[in-house]
N, C-alpha and C. Protein backbone atom coordinates (compact mmCIF):
# COMPACT_ATOMS: atom_id res chain seq x y z
N MET A 1 0.84 -1.18 0.00
CA MET A 1 0.00 0.00 0.00
C MET A 1 0.89 1.24 0.00
N ASP A 2 0.56 2.18 -0.88
CA ASP A 2 1.32 3.43 -0.98
C ASP A 2 0.39 4.60 -0.77
N TYR A 3 0.96 5.72 -0.33
CA TYR A 3 0.20 6.94 -0.11
C TYR A 3 0.82 8.08 -0.90
N LEU A 4 -0.02 9.01 -1.29
CA LEU A 4 0.43 10.16 -2.05
C LEU A 4 -0.44 11.35 -1.68
N LYS A 5 0.17 12.50 -1.53
CA LYS A 5 -0.61 13.71 -1.22
C LYS A 5 -0.60 14.61 -2.44
N VAL A 6 -1.78 15.08 -2.82
CA VAL A 6 -1.91 16.00 -3.94
C VAL A 6 -2.61 17.27 -3.45
N PRO A 7 -2.39 18.39 -4.15
CA PRO A 7 -3.08 19.62 -3.74
C PRO A 7 -4.60 19.43 -3.79
N LEU A 8 -5.29 20.00 -2.82
CA LEU A 8 -6.76 19.86 -2.76
C LEU A 8 -7.42 20.37 -4.03
N SER A 9 -6.82 21.37 -4.67
CA SER A 9 -7.39 21.93 -5.90
C SER A 9 -7.35 20.93 -7.06
N ARG A 10 -6.53 19.88 -6.95
CA ARG A 10 -6.41 18.90 -8.04
C ARG A 10 -7.10 17.57 -7.74
N VAL A 11 -7.68 17.42 -6.56
CA VAL A 11 -8.36 16.17 -6.21
C VAL A 11 -9.49 15.88 -7.20
N GLY A 12 -10.23 16.91 -7.58
CA GLY A 12 -11.33 16.75 -8.53
C GLY A 12 -10.85 16.24 -9.88
N ALA A 13 -9.67 16.66 -10.30
CA ALA A 13 -9.12 16.20 -11.58
C ALA A 13 -8.78 14.71 -11.53
N ILE A 14 -8.33 14.24 -10.37
CA ILE A 14 -8.00 12.81 -10.23
C ILE A 14 -9.27 11.97 -10.20
N ILE A 15 -10.31 12.49 -9.55
CA ILE A 15 -11.58 11.76 -9.50
C ILE A 15 -12.26 11.80 -10.86
N GLY A 16 -12.29 12.99 -11.46
CA GLY A 16 -12.90 13.16 -12.78
C GLY A 16 -14.40 13.25 -12.70
N PRO A 17 -15.04 13.61 -13.83
CA PRO A 17 -16.50 13.72 -13.84
C PRO A 17 -17.15 12.35 -13.57
N LYS A 18 -18.00 12.30 -12.57
CA LYS A 18 -18.70 11.06 -12.15
C LYS A 18 -17.72 9.92 -11.85
N GLY A 19 -16.51 10.27 -11.41
CA GLY A 19 -15.53 9.25 -11.03
C GLY A 19 -14.88 8.54 -12.20
N GLU A 20 -15.06 9.07 -13.42
CA GLU A 20 -14.54 8.42 -14.63
C GLU A 20 -13.02 8.29 -14.62
N THR A 21 -12.32 9.35 -14.26
CA THR A 21 -10.85 9.33 -14.30
C THR A 21 -10.30 8.31 -13.30
N LYS A 22 -10.86 8.30 -12.10
CA LYS A 22 -10.44 7.34 -11.07
C LYS A 22 -10.65 5.90 -11.57
N LYS A 23 -11.82 5.65 -12.17
CA LYS A 23 -12.11 4.30 -12.70
C LYS A 23 -11.12 3.91 -13.78
N ARG A 24 -10.82 4.87 -14.65
CA ARG A 24 -9.90 4.59 -15.75
C ARG A 24 -8.50 4.30 -15.22
N ILE A 25 -8.07 5.06 -14.23
CA ILE A 25 -6.75 4.82 -13.62
C ILE A 25 -6.71 3.40 -13.05
N GLU A 26 -7.77 3.02 -12.35
CA GLU A 26 -7.81 1.68 -11.75
C GLU A 26 -7.80 0.59 -12.83
N GLU A 27 -8.55 0.81 -13.93
CA GLU A 27 -8.58 -0.18 -15.01
C GLU A 27 -7.21 -0.33 -15.66
N LEU A 28 -6.58 0.80 -15.98
CA LEU A 28 -5.29 0.76 -16.69
C LEU A 28 -4.17 0.20 -15.83
N SER A 29 -4.23 0.44 -14.52
CA SER A 29 -3.11 0.06 -13.65
C SER A 29 -3.32 -1.27 -12.94
N GLY A 30 -4.57 -1.69 -12.81
CA GLY A 30 -4.83 -2.90 -12.03
C GLY A 30 -4.69 -2.65 -10.54
N CYS A 31 -4.70 -1.40 -10.13
CA CYS A 31 -4.59 -1.03 -8.72
C CYS A 31 -5.93 -0.43 -8.28
N GLU A 32 -6.11 -0.38 -6.98
CA GLU A 32 -7.30 0.25 -6.43
C GLU A 32 -6.86 1.52 -5.71
N ILE A 33 -7.57 2.62 -5.96
CA ILE A 33 -7.21 3.85 -5.26
C ILE A 33 -8.40 4.38 -4.48
N SER A 34 -8.10 4.88 -3.29
CA SER A 34 -9.14 5.58 -2.53
C SER A 34 -8.60 6.97 -2.22
N ILE A 35 -9.49 7.95 -2.31
CA ILE A 35 -9.09 9.35 -2.21
C ILE A 35 -9.81 10.01 -1.05
N ASP A 36 -9.02 10.62 -0.17
CA ASP A 36 -9.58 11.44 0.91
C ASP A 36 -9.63 12.86 0.37
N SER A 37 -10.80 13.30 -0.07
CA SER A 37 -10.90 14.60 -0.72
C SER A 37 -10.81 15.78 0.26
N ASN A 38 -10.87 15.51 1.55
CA ASN A 38 -10.68 16.58 2.53
C ASN A 38 -9.21 16.88 2.77
N GLU A 39 -8.38 15.85 2.69
CA GLU A 39 -6.95 15.99 2.96
C GLU A 39 -6.08 15.98 1.70
N GLY A 40 -6.62 15.45 0.60
CA GLY A 40 -5.84 15.32 -0.63
C GLY A 40 -4.90 14.13 -0.60
N ILE A 41 -5.25 13.12 0.22
CA ILE A 41 -4.40 11.94 0.34
C ILE A 41 -4.99 10.80 -0.49
N ILE A 42 -4.13 10.18 -1.31
CA ILE A 42 -4.54 9.07 -2.16
C ILE A 42 -3.87 7.81 -1.62
N GLU A 43 -4.67 6.78 -1.43
CA GLU A 43 -4.16 5.49 -0.97
C GLU A 43 -4.22 4.53 -2.16
N ILE A 44 -3.07 3.92 -2.49
CA ILE A 44 -2.98 3.02 -3.64
C ILE A 44 -2.75 1.61 -3.14
N THR A 45 -3.66 0.72 -3.51
CA THR A 45 -3.54 -0.68 -3.14
C THR A 45 -3.36 -1.50 -4.41
N SER A 46 -2.29 -2.25 -4.47
CA SER A 46 -1.99 -3.04 -5.66
C SER A 46 -2.79 -4.33 -5.65
N LYS A 47 -3.49 -4.57 -6.77
CA LYS A 47 -4.17 -5.85 -6.94
C LYS A 47 -3.38 -6.71 -7.93
N ASN A 48 -2.38 -6.09 -8.55
CA ASN A 48 -1.60 -6.73 -9.60
C ASN A 48 -0.26 -7.17 -9.02
N GLU A 49 -0.19 -8.36 -8.50
CA GLU A 49 1.04 -8.85 -7.86
C GLU A 49 2.12 -9.21 -8.87
N THR A 50 1.75 -9.37 -10.15
CA THR A 50 2.74 -9.77 -11.15
C THR A 50 3.59 -8.60 -11.64
N ASP A 51 3.11 -7.36 -11.46
CA ASP A 51 3.84 -6.19 -11.94
C ASP A 51 3.98 -5.14 -10.84
N PRO A 52 4.99 -5.29 -9.97
CA PRO A 52 5.16 -4.34 -8.88
C PRO A 52 5.51 -2.93 -9.36
N LEU A 53 6.02 -2.81 -10.57
CA LEU A 53 6.34 -1.49 -11.12
C LEU A 53 5.09 -0.65 -11.37
N MET A 54 3.96 -1.32 -11.57
CA MET A 54 2.73 -0.61 -11.88
C MET A 54 2.35 0.37 -10.77
N ASN A 55 2.60 0.00 -9.50
CA ASN A 55 2.33 0.91 -8.38
C ASN A 55 3.11 2.21 -8.55
N LEU A 56 4.39 2.08 -8.90
CA LEU A 56 5.23 3.27 -9.07
C LEU A 56 4.75 4.11 -10.24
N GLN A 57 4.35 3.44 -11.32
CA GLN A 57 3.85 4.17 -12.48
C GLN A 57 2.55 4.88 -12.14
N LEU A 58 1.71 4.23 -11.35
CA LEU A 58 0.44 4.84 -10.94
C LEU A 58 0.70 6.05 -10.04
N ILE A 59 1.68 5.94 -9.15
CA ILE A 59 2.04 7.07 -8.30
C ILE A 59 2.50 8.24 -9.17
N SER A 60 3.31 7.96 -10.18
CA SER A 60 3.77 9.01 -11.09
C SER A 60 2.60 9.66 -11.81
N ALA A 61 1.65 8.85 -12.28
CA ALA A 61 0.49 9.39 -13.01
C ALA A 61 -0.36 10.27 -12.08
N ALA A 62 -0.58 9.81 -10.86
CA ALA A 62 -1.37 10.60 -9.90
C ALA A 62 -0.64 11.90 -9.54
N LYS A 63 0.69 11.82 -9.37
CA LYS A 63 1.49 13.02 -9.10
C LYS A 63 1.36 14.00 -10.25
N ALA A 64 1.43 13.48 -11.48
CA ALA A 64 1.34 14.34 -12.66
C ALA A 64 0.01 15.08 -12.72
N ILE A 65 -1.07 14.39 -12.43
CA ILE A 65 -2.38 15.04 -12.40
C ILE A 65 -2.40 16.08 -11.29
N GLY A 66 -1.82 15.74 -10.15
CA GLY A 66 -1.73 16.68 -9.03
C GLY A 66 -0.90 17.91 -9.35
N ARG A 67 0.07 17.78 -10.26
CA ARG A 67 0.93 18.91 -10.63
C ARG A 67 0.37 19.69 -11.81
N GLY A 68 -0.83 19.32 -12.30
CA GLY A 68 -1.48 20.16 -13.31
C GLY A 68 -1.67 19.55 -14.68
N PHE A 69 -1.19 18.33 -14.93
CA PHE A 69 -1.41 17.70 -16.23
C PHE A 69 -2.84 17.22 -16.34
N ASN A 70 -3.36 17.21 -17.57
CA ASN A 70 -4.67 16.60 -17.73
C ASN A 70 -4.48 15.09 -17.67
N PRO A 71 -5.51 14.36 -17.25
CA PRO A 71 -5.38 12.92 -17.06
C PRO A 71 -4.90 12.15 -18.29
N GLU A 72 -5.32 12.57 -19.49
CA GLU A 72 -4.90 11.85 -20.71
C GLU A 72 -3.38 11.88 -20.86
N LYS A 73 -2.77 13.01 -20.60
CA LYS A 73 -1.30 13.11 -20.69
C LYS A 73 -0.65 12.29 -19.58
N ALA A 74 -1.24 12.32 -18.40
CA ALA A 74 -0.68 11.58 -17.26
C ALA A 74 -0.76 10.07 -17.48
N PHE A 75 -1.76 9.60 -18.21
CA PHE A 75 -1.90 8.17 -18.45
C PHE A 75 -0.73 7.61 -19.25
N GLN A 76 -0.01 8.47 -19.97
CA GLN A 76 1.19 8.01 -20.70
C GLN A 76 2.19 7.39 -19.73
N LEU A 77 2.18 7.86 -18.48
CA LEU A 77 3.14 7.36 -17.49
C LEU A 77 2.88 5.91 -17.10
N LEU A 78 1.71 5.40 -17.44
CA LEU A 78 1.42 4.00 -17.15
C LEU A 78 2.07 3.08 -18.19
N GLU A 79 2.64 3.69 -19.23
CA GLU A 79 3.42 2.93 -20.22
C GLU A 79 4.87 2.93 -19.76
N MET A 80 5.64 1.98 -20.20
CA MET A 80 7.02 1.83 -19.74
C MET A 80 7.96 2.93 -20.23
N ASP A 81 7.66 3.55 -21.36
CA ASP A 81 8.62 4.44 -21.99
C ASP A 81 8.48 5.91 -21.61
N TYR A 82 7.60 6.24 -20.67
CA TYR A 82 7.39 7.63 -20.31
C TYR A 82 7.79 7.88 -18.86
N TYR A 83 8.31 9.10 -18.63
CA TYR A 83 8.85 9.44 -17.32
C TYR A 83 8.33 10.80 -16.85
N LEU A 84 8.30 10.97 -15.55
CA LEU A 84 7.88 12.23 -14.94
C LEU A 84 9.05 12.79 -14.15
N GLU A 85 9.28 14.08 -14.32
CA GLU A 85 10.28 14.78 -13.51
C GLU A 85 9.63 16.05 -13.01
N ILE A 86 9.79 16.34 -11.74
CA ILE A 86 9.27 17.57 -11.16
C ILE A 86 10.46 18.41 -10.71
N VAL A 87 10.59 19.59 -11.30
CA VAL A 87 11.70 20.50 -10.98
C VAL A 87 11.16 21.61 -10.09
N ASP A 88 11.82 21.82 -8.97
CA ASP A 88 11.41 22.88 -8.05
C ASP A 88 12.11 24.18 -8.45
N ILE A 89 11.34 25.16 -8.88
CA ILE A 89 11.89 26.44 -9.32
C ILE A 89 12.63 27.13 -8.17
N ARG A 90 12.21 26.88 -6.93
CA ARG A 90 12.84 27.52 -5.77
C ARG A 90 14.31 27.12 -5.63
N ASP A 91 14.68 25.97 -6.21
CA ASP A 91 16.09 25.57 -6.18
C ASP A 91 16.95 26.57 -6.96
N TYR A 92 16.34 27.29 -7.88
CA TYR A 92 17.06 28.26 -8.71
C TYR A 92 16.92 29.69 -8.20
N VAL A 93 15.76 30.01 -7.58
CA VAL A 93 15.47 31.41 -7.23
C VAL A 93 15.37 31.68 -5.73
N GLY A 94 15.42 30.65 -4.92
CA GLY A 94 15.28 30.85 -3.48
C GLY A 94 13.81 31.00 -3.10
N ARG A 95 13.55 31.68 -2.01
CA ARG A 95 12.19 31.76 -1.47
C ARG A 95 11.42 33.02 -1.87
N SER A 96 12.03 33.90 -2.65
CA SER A 96 11.38 35.15 -3.03
C SER A 96 10.18 34.90 -3.96
N LYS A 97 9.00 35.28 -3.51
CA LYS A 97 7.78 35.07 -4.32
C LYS A 97 7.81 35.91 -5.59
N LYS A 98 8.37 37.12 -5.48
CA LYS A 98 8.45 38.00 -6.65
C LYS A 98 9.37 37.39 -7.71
N ARG A 99 10.53 36.92 -7.27
CA ARG A 99 11.49 36.29 -8.20
C ARG A 99 10.90 35.01 -8.80
N LEU A 100 10.17 34.25 -7.99
CA LEU A 100 9.52 33.03 -8.46
C LEU A 100 8.54 33.36 -9.58
N ALA A 101 7.73 34.39 -9.39
CA ALA A 101 6.75 34.78 -10.41
C ALA A 101 7.45 35.24 -11.69
N THR A 102 8.54 35.97 -11.55
CA THR A 102 9.30 36.45 -12.72
C THR A 102 9.85 35.28 -13.52
N ILE A 103 10.50 34.35 -12.83
CA ILE A 103 11.12 33.21 -13.51
C ILE A 103 10.06 32.30 -14.12
N ARG A 104 8.96 32.10 -13.41
CA ARG A 104 7.87 31.29 -13.96
C ARG A 104 7.35 31.94 -15.24
N GLY A 105 7.25 33.27 -15.22
CA GLY A 105 6.82 34.00 -16.42
C GLY A 105 7.80 33.84 -17.57
N ARG A 106 9.11 33.84 -17.27
CA ARG A 106 10.13 33.62 -18.31
C ARG A 106 9.99 32.24 -18.91
N LEU A 107 9.68 31.26 -18.08
CA LEU A 107 9.57 29.88 -18.54
C LEU A 107 8.34 29.69 -19.42
N ILE A 108 7.26 30.36 -19.06
CA ILE A 108 6.04 30.27 -19.87
C ILE A 108 6.22 31.08 -21.16
N GLY A 109 6.79 32.27 -21.04
CA GLY A 109 7.00 33.12 -22.20
C GLY A 109 5.75 33.91 -22.54
N ARG A 110 5.91 34.89 -23.41
CA ARG A 110 4.77 35.71 -23.83
C ARG A 110 3.77 34.83 -24.58
N SER A 111 2.54 34.82 -24.11
CA SER A 111 1.45 34.00 -24.68
C SER A 111 1.80 32.51 -24.71
N GLY A 112 2.67 32.07 -23.80
CA GLY A 112 3.02 30.65 -23.71
C GLY A 112 4.03 30.19 -24.74
N LYS A 113 4.71 31.14 -25.40
CA LYS A 113 5.60 30.80 -26.51
C LYS A 113 6.78 29.94 -26.08
N THR A 114 7.47 30.30 -25.00
CA THR A 114 8.66 29.54 -24.59
C THR A 114 8.29 28.11 -24.22
N ARG A 115 7.24 27.98 -23.45
CA ARG A 115 6.78 26.64 -23.06
C ARG A 115 6.43 25.83 -24.30
N GLU A 116 5.73 26.46 -25.23
CA GLU A 116 5.31 25.78 -26.46
C GLU A 116 6.51 25.32 -27.29
N ILE A 117 7.53 26.17 -27.40
CA ILE A 117 8.72 25.81 -28.16
C ILE A 117 9.45 24.64 -27.52
N ILE A 118 9.58 24.66 -26.19
CA ILE A 118 10.25 23.54 -25.50
C ILE A 118 9.47 22.25 -25.75
N GLU A 119 8.14 22.32 -25.64
CA GLU A 119 7.32 21.12 -25.86
C GLU A 119 7.45 20.61 -27.30
N GLU A 120 7.38 21.55 -28.24
CA GLU A 120 7.44 21.18 -29.66
C GLU A 120 8.77 20.55 -30.03
N MET A 121 9.86 21.18 -29.60
CA MET A 121 11.20 20.73 -30.00
C MET A 121 11.62 19.42 -29.34
N THR A 122 11.11 19.15 -28.14
CA THR A 122 11.55 17.95 -27.42
C THR A 122 10.50 16.84 -27.42
N GLY A 123 9.27 17.18 -27.80
CA GLY A 123 8.20 16.17 -27.79
C GLY A 123 7.69 15.87 -26.39
N CYS A 124 7.97 16.75 -25.43
CA CYS A 124 7.53 16.52 -24.06
C CYS A 124 6.27 17.34 -23.77
N ASP A 125 5.69 17.10 -22.62
CA ASP A 125 4.57 17.91 -22.12
C ASP A 125 5.05 18.57 -20.84
N LEU A 126 4.71 19.86 -20.67
CA LEU A 126 5.10 20.60 -19.47
C LEU A 126 3.86 21.07 -18.72
N ALA A 127 3.97 21.10 -17.41
CA ALA A 127 2.96 21.72 -16.56
C ALA A 127 3.70 22.62 -15.58
N ILE A 128 3.34 23.89 -15.58
CA ILE A 128 3.99 24.85 -14.70
C ILE A 128 2.94 25.31 -13.70
N GLN A 129 3.14 24.94 -12.45
CA GLN A 129 2.14 25.24 -11.42
C GLN A 129 2.85 25.53 -10.11
N GLY A 130 2.43 26.60 -9.45
CA GLY A 130 3.03 26.93 -8.16
C GLY A 130 4.52 27.14 -8.31
N HIS A 131 5.30 26.40 -7.55
CA HIS A 131 6.75 26.55 -7.58
C HIS A 131 7.43 25.40 -8.30
N THR A 132 6.68 24.68 -9.15
CA THR A 132 7.28 23.54 -9.85
C THR A 132 7.03 23.59 -11.35
N VAL A 133 7.92 22.94 -12.07
CA VAL A 133 7.76 22.67 -13.49
C VAL A 133 7.81 21.16 -13.61
N SER A 134 6.79 20.56 -14.21
CA SER A 134 6.76 19.11 -14.35
C SER A 134 6.88 18.75 -15.82
N ILE A 135 7.61 17.67 -16.07
CA ILE A 135 7.87 17.21 -17.44
C ILE A 135 7.38 15.77 -17.56
N ILE A 136 6.63 15.50 -18.61
CA ILE A 136 6.32 14.12 -19.00
C ILE A 136 6.90 13.94 -20.39
N SER A 137 7.74 12.93 -20.54
CA SER A 137 8.37 12.72 -21.84
C SER A 137 8.87 11.29 -21.96
N ASP A 138 9.10 10.89 -23.22
CA ASP A 138 9.82 9.65 -23.43
C ASP A 138 11.31 9.98 -23.24
N LEU A 139 12.14 8.99 -23.30
CA LEU A 139 13.56 9.20 -22.99
C LEU A 139 14.25 10.13 -23.97
N ASP A 140 13.83 10.12 -25.24
CA ASP A 140 14.50 10.94 -26.26
C ASP A 140 14.50 12.43 -25.90
N GLY A 141 13.33 12.98 -25.61
CA GLY A 141 13.25 14.41 -25.37
C GLY A 141 13.43 14.81 -23.92
N PHE A 142 13.46 13.83 -23.04
CA PHE A 142 13.46 14.10 -21.60
C PHE A 142 14.65 14.95 -21.16
N GLU A 143 15.85 14.50 -21.53
CA GLU A 143 17.06 15.20 -21.10
C GLU A 143 17.14 16.58 -21.71
N ALA A 144 16.77 16.71 -22.98
CA ALA A 144 16.81 18.01 -23.66
C ALA A 144 15.84 18.99 -23.00
N ALA A 145 14.66 18.51 -22.63
CA ALA A 145 13.69 19.37 -21.96
C ALA A 145 14.22 19.84 -20.61
N LYS A 146 14.84 18.92 -19.85
CA LYS A 146 15.41 19.28 -18.55
C LYS A 146 16.51 20.33 -18.71
N VAL A 147 17.36 20.16 -19.72
CA VAL A 147 18.45 21.11 -19.94
C VAL A 147 17.87 22.48 -20.33
N ALA A 148 16.90 22.49 -21.25
CA ALA A 148 16.30 23.76 -21.69
C ALA A 148 15.64 24.48 -20.51
N ILE A 149 14.92 23.74 -19.68
CA ILE A 149 14.25 24.34 -18.52
C ILE A 149 15.28 24.89 -17.55
N SER A 150 16.32 24.12 -17.27
CA SER A 150 17.32 24.60 -16.32
C SER A 150 18.06 25.81 -16.89
N MET A 151 18.24 25.88 -18.21
CA MET A 151 18.86 27.06 -18.82
C MET A 151 18.00 28.30 -18.57
N VAL A 152 16.70 28.18 -18.79
CA VAL A 152 15.79 29.32 -18.57
C VAL A 152 15.79 29.70 -17.09
N LEU A 153 15.70 28.70 -16.22
CA LEU A 153 15.66 28.97 -14.77
C LEU A 153 16.95 29.60 -14.27
N ALA A 154 18.06 29.25 -14.91
CA ALA A 154 19.36 29.79 -14.50
C ALA A 154 19.61 31.18 -15.08
N GLY A 155 18.70 31.64 -15.94
CA GLY A 155 18.82 33.01 -16.45
C GLY A 155 19.37 33.14 -17.85
N SER A 156 19.54 32.04 -18.59
CA SER A 156 20.02 32.13 -19.97
C SER A 156 19.02 32.90 -20.81
N GLU A 157 19.54 33.54 -21.85
CA GLU A 157 18.64 34.24 -22.76
C GLU A 157 17.82 33.22 -23.54
N HIS A 158 16.61 33.62 -23.90
CA HIS A 158 15.73 32.71 -24.62
C HIS A 158 16.37 32.26 -25.94
N GLY A 159 17.08 33.18 -26.61
CA GLY A 159 17.73 32.83 -27.88
C GLY A 159 18.70 31.68 -27.72
N SER A 160 19.46 31.67 -26.63
CA SER A 160 20.42 30.58 -26.37
C SER A 160 19.69 29.26 -26.17
N VAL A 161 18.58 29.32 -25.45
CA VAL A 161 17.79 28.12 -25.19
C VAL A 161 17.23 27.58 -26.51
N TYR A 162 16.72 28.47 -27.36
CA TYR A 162 16.15 28.04 -28.65
C TYR A 162 17.23 27.44 -29.54
N LYS A 163 18.45 28.02 -29.51
CA LYS A 163 19.55 27.45 -30.31
C LYS A 163 19.91 26.05 -29.82
N TYR A 164 19.93 25.88 -28.50
CA TYR A 164 20.19 24.54 -27.94
C TYR A 164 19.13 23.56 -28.42
N LEU A 165 17.87 23.97 -28.37
CA LEU A 165 16.77 23.09 -28.78
C LEU A 165 16.84 22.77 -30.28
N GLU A 166 17.22 23.76 -31.09
CA GLU A 166 17.38 23.53 -32.53
C GLU A 166 18.45 22.48 -32.78
N SER A 167 19.59 22.60 -32.09
CA SER A 167 20.67 21.62 -32.29
C SER A 167 20.22 20.24 -31.82
N PHE A 168 19.46 20.18 -30.75
CA PHE A 168 18.92 18.89 -30.27
C PHE A 168 18.04 18.28 -31.35
N ARG A 169 17.16 19.10 -31.92
CA ARG A 169 16.24 18.58 -32.93
C ARG A 169 16.96 18.11 -34.17
N ARG A 170 17.99 18.84 -34.59
CA ARG A 170 18.78 18.41 -35.75
C ARG A 170 19.45 17.07 -35.49
N ARG A 171 19.98 16.88 -34.28
CA ARG A 171 20.67 15.62 -33.95
C ARG A 171 19.70 14.44 -33.89
N HIS A 172 18.43 14.69 -33.57
CA HIS A 172 17.48 13.60 -33.38
C HIS A 172 16.49 13.42 -34.51
N LYS A 173 16.79 13.97 -35.64
CA LYS A 173 15.89 13.76 -36.79
C LYS A 173 16.23 12.51 -37.52
């Protein structure tokens, strides 16, 4: 049995309309989940003794939904080739709320352009919420997305980040 805490604002996304998302998660993973919607605590009970990795994949999928991904994107994590990484922006900017908002804005870009370019060039999905940036990707684009994000968070100019992503895309065509 495993436990996971998600923000209360995302509990509804994990349950889904009429419990559809929760049912789908249970069907795809072979696990049973119960959700305490007052505390945001999810209890995962494995019914699938043949695949112990499924519990970990389910935890990743639930974390991804909790970090702002829509359930369809998070379900990719139930496949073997997809990974979740959560980067804490505070590791780069400290505890200043003003600096956090500025850097988060740089990562999103004007009208979401920077985020969109990172997603397009690496084939990953990003969710930027609170003080974290979450990445769902297959192994090919995963490292490139992490490097591009850390470049932006460390203060690199957007042009440098785009050049890095262009070279990544040329190498992986």
